[in-house]
Amino acid sequence: MVTEYTIDVRDRVIGMIIADMSQTKVSHALQMNLRAIQRWWALSRGGKSLRNKPRRVRKTSLSKAAKIIIAKSLSKPHESTRILTKNLRRRGIVAVSHITILNYLRSLNATPYKPQKQPKLTDSQKRAHVNSAKRGRTGVWKNGDEFYFQMNHHFNFIILRIGKITKCGLENEIIYLR
């Protein structure tokens, strides 16, 4: 059932919002529907929607000189984007942030960061994996292609897992190759 409110209630709600009270607090204080309060507030603003409110400023475009300097910086092995922004500002070419320079470098297919390498397992970590598997806690590492006895064999053995679909489901066969 729709509740109808008088114009006095609407004016009171608008006055409370103008007095820096949030719309949710007004709805709790007057025990009203929040959506109705939001509509009344939008109507009191003259129908101006939130889409017309000012947004972020336009992206700064790089000048040709700045693009040349940034492209030349690729020849230097360890050039920081923050240092590059300081140099551009000192020369008076353009005042941009280091993120803008980073995005421009990415557009040139340059990778400013070193890719992180996955560390290899040490011998003690391998032994710990083998011991936990031998104890029967897991038996087979479910999310990987390694079996617990793979690390006990000589390194010339290659162990492949081949999934063979049968009537029962997926079975694993192990093939040893030299």
Protein backbone atom coordinates (compact mmCIF):
# COMPACT_ATOMS: atom_id res chain seq x y z
CA MET A 1 0.00 0.00 0.00
CA VAL A 2 1.36 3.40 -0.97
CA THR A 3 1.68 5.97 1.79
CA GLU A 4 0.86 9.53 0.80
CA TYR A 5 2.59 12.41 2.54
CA THR A 6 1.58 16.04 2.72
CA ILE A 7 3.57 18.93 1.29
CA ASP A 8 4.53 19.98 4.84
CA VAL A 9 6.30 16.65 5.36
CA ARG A 10 8.15 17.09 2.07
CA ASP A 11 9.29 20.57 3.06
CA ARG A 12 10.43 19.27 6.43
CA VAL A 13 12.46 16.49 4.77
CA ILE A 14 14.10 18.94 2.34
CA GLY A 15 14.91 21.30 5.22
CA MET A 16 16.56 18.50 7.20
CA ILE A 17 18.69 17.52 4.21
CA ILE A 18 19.70 21.14 3.58
CA ALA A 19 20.70 21.34 7.26
CA ASP A 20 23.38 18.69 6.52
CA MET A 21 21.50 15.65 7.73
CA SER A 22 21.97 12.56 5.59
CA GLN A 23 19.04 11.07 3.72
CA THR A 24 19.30 7.78 5.60
CA LYS A 25 19.21 9.56 8.95
CA VAL A 26 16.15 11.52 7.82
CA SER A 27 14.42 8.31 6.76
CA HIS A 28 15.17 6.70 10.13
CA ALA A 29 14.14 9.79 12.08
CA LEU A 30 10.82 10.22 10.28
CA GLN A 31 10.29 6.48 9.64
CA MET A 32 9.86 7.00 5.92
CA ASN A 33 10.90 5.20 2.78
CA LEU A 34 14.42 6.19 1.71
CA ARG A 35 13.54 6.06 -1.99
CA ALA A 36 10.75 8.62 -1.52
CA ILE A 37 13.17 10.96 0.24
CA GLN A 38 15.69 10.58 -2.58
CA ARG A 39 13.03 11.42 -5.18
CA TRP A 40 11.89 14.49 -3.25
CA TRP A 41 15.48 15.70 -2.95
CA ALA A 42 16.06 15.22 -6.68
CA LEU A 43 12.82 17.10 -7.40
CA SER A 44 13.86 19.98 -5.12
CA ARG A 45 17.16 20.31 -6.97
CA GLY A 46 15.21 21.15 -10.08
CA GLY A 47 15.31 17.72 -11.62
CA LYS A 48 19.08 17.81 -12.06
CA SER A 49 20.29 14.26 -11.93
CA LEU A 50 23.51 13.07 -10.38
CA ARG A 51 24.85 12.44 -13.87
CA ASN A 52 25.40 16.17 -14.32
CA LYS A 53 27.62 16.59 -11.29
CA PRO A 54 31.28 17.46 -12.01
CA ARG A 55 33.52 14.49 -12.58
CA ARG A 56 37.22 13.87 -12.79
CA VAL A 57 39.17 16.29 -14.96
CA ARG A 58 40.13 15.32 -18.48
CA LYS A 59 43.24 13.24 -18.95
CA THR A 60 46.32 15.29 -19.67
CA SER A 61 47.71 14.68 -23.11
CA LEU A 62 51.43 14.35 -23.53
CA SER A 63 53.22 16.72 -25.86
CA LYS A 64 55.50 15.47 -28.64
CA ALA A 65 58.59 16.51 -26.69
CA ALA A 66 57.41 14.60 -23.62
CA LYS A 67 56.70 11.50 -25.70
CA ILE A 68 60.19 11.67 -27.23
CA ILE A 69 61.83 12.02 -23.81
CA ILE A 70 59.81 9.12 -22.41
CA ALA A 71 60.66 6.94 -25.41
CA LYS A 72 64.37 7.78 -25.02
CA SER A 73 64.19 6.77 -21.37
CA LEU A 74 63.53 3.19 -22.49
CA SER A 75 67.20 2.91 -23.47
CA LYS A 76 68.22 3.52 -19.85
CA PRO A 77 68.01 0.25 -17.93
CA HIS A 78 66.69 1.39 -14.55
CA GLU A 79 64.85 4.64 -15.21
CA SER A 80 62.15 5.31 -12.63
CA THR A 81 58.87 6.88 -13.73
CA ARG A 82 58.95 9.16 -10.69
CA ILE A 83 62.39 10.46 -11.62
CA LEU A 84 61.18 10.93 -15.18
CA THR A 85 58.26 13.08 -13.99
CA LYS A 86 60.65 15.23 -11.98
CA ASN A 87 62.86 15.69 -15.04
CA LEU A 88 59.89 16.66 -17.21
CA ARG A 89 58.68 19.18 -14.64
CA ARG A 90 62.17 20.62 -14.19
CA ARG A 91 62.49 21.15 -17.93
CA GLY A 92 59.07 22.78 -17.98
CA ILE A 93 57.77 20.49 -20.73
CA VAL A 94 54.66 19.14 -19.06
CA ALA A 95 53.45 18.47 -15.54
CA VAL A 96 52.12 14.92 -15.48
CA SER A 97 51.98 12.21 -12.88
CA HIS A 98 54.14 9.13 -12.90
CA ILE A 99 51.02 7.03 -13.57
CA THR A 100 50.48 8.87 -16.86
CA ILE A 101 54.05 8.09 -17.87
CA LEU A 102 53.59 4.48 -16.76
CA ASN A 103 50.47 4.15 -18.91
CA TYR A 104 52.29 5.64 -21.90
CA LEU A 105 55.16 3.18 -21.43
CA ARG A 106 52.66 0.34 -21.34
CA SER A 107 51.12 1.61 -24.58
CA LEU A 108 54.60 1.25 -26.11
CA ASN A 109 54.56 -2.42 -24.99
CA ALA A 110 57.27 -1.77 -22.43
CA THR A 111 57.21 -3.64 -19.15
CA PRO A 112 58.38 -1.33 -16.40
CA TYR A 113 58.44 -4.01 -13.74
CA LYS A 114 60.53 -7.13 -13.54
CA PRO A 115 58.37 -10.23 -13.79
CA GLN A 116 58.37 -12.16 -10.54
CA LYS A 117 59.77 -15.66 -10.71
CA GLN A 118 58.22 -18.57 -8.88
CA PRO A 119 60.86 -19.85 -6.45
CA LYS A 120 61.88 -23.47 -6.85
CA LEU A 121 61.39 -25.93 -4.03
CA THR A 122 64.42 -26.57 -1.87
CA ASP A 123 65.50 -30.09 -0.99
CA SER A 124 64.10 -29.78 2.52
CA GLN A 125 60.73 -28.66 1.13
CA LYS A 126 60.73 -31.60 -1.30
CA ARG A 127 61.49 -33.99 1.57
CA ALA A 128 58.67 -32.49 3.60
CA HIS A 129 56.26 -33.05 0.70
CA VAL A 130 57.41 -36.65 0.35
CA ASN A 131 57.17 -37.35 4.08
CA SER A 132 53.66 -35.92 4.35
CA ALA A 133 52.58 -38.02 1.37
CA LYS A 134 54.18 -41.17 2.80
CA ARG A 135 52.31 -40.68 6.04
CA GLY A 136 49.14 -41.10 4.00
CA ARG A 137 47.67 -37.70 4.65
CA THR A 138 47.30 -36.90 0.98
CA GLY A 139 48.77 -39.73 -1.07
CA VAL A 140 48.51 -37.68 -4.25
CA TRP A 141 48.68 -33.93 -4.54
CA LYS A 142 45.26 -33.22 -5.89
CA ASN A 143 45.89 -29.85 -7.52
CA GLY A 144 49.21 -30.63 -9.17
CA ASP A 145 50.78 -33.00 -11.64
CA GLU A 146 53.32 -34.32 -9.13
CA PHE A 147 53.04 -37.58 -7.27
CA TYR A 148 54.70 -38.24 -3.94
CA PHE A 149 57.12 -40.79 -5.40
CA GLN A 150 58.17 -38.53 -8.27
CA MET A 151 60.89 -36.94 -6.17
CA ASN A 152 62.24 -40.28 -4.88
CA HIS A 153 63.13 -41.57 -8.35
CA HIS A 154 66.22 -40.85 -10.34
CA PHE A 155 66.01 -37.57 -12.24
CA ASN A 156 66.13 -39.30 -15.65
CA PHE A 157 62.65 -40.71 -15.14
CA ILE A 158 59.85 -38.61 -16.56
CA ILE A 159 56.45 -39.24 -15.12
CA LEU A 160 53.41 -38.36 -17.18
CA ARG A 161 49.84 -38.37 -16.08
CA ILE A 162 47.41 -39.44 -18.70
CA GLY A 163 43.76 -39.06 -17.97
CA LYS A 164 41.81 -41.95 -19.35
CA ILE A 165 38.07 -41.60 -19.40
CA THR A 166 36.29 -44.79 -18.52
CA LYS A 167 32.78 -45.65 -17.48
CA CYS A 168 33.66 -44.99 -13.85
CA GLY A 169 35.16 -41.56 -14.51
CA LEU A 170 38.70 -40.31 -14.86
CA GLU A 171 41.51 -42.74 -14.07
CA ASN A 172 45.15 -41.83 -13.85
CA GLU A 173 47.78 -43.95 -15.52
CA ILE A 174 51.45 -43.38 -14.87
CA ILE A 175 53.96 -43.94 -17.66
CA TYR A 176 57.68 -44.05 -16.94
CA LEU A 177 59.97 -42.92 -19.75
CA ARG A 178 63.75 -42.95 -19.87
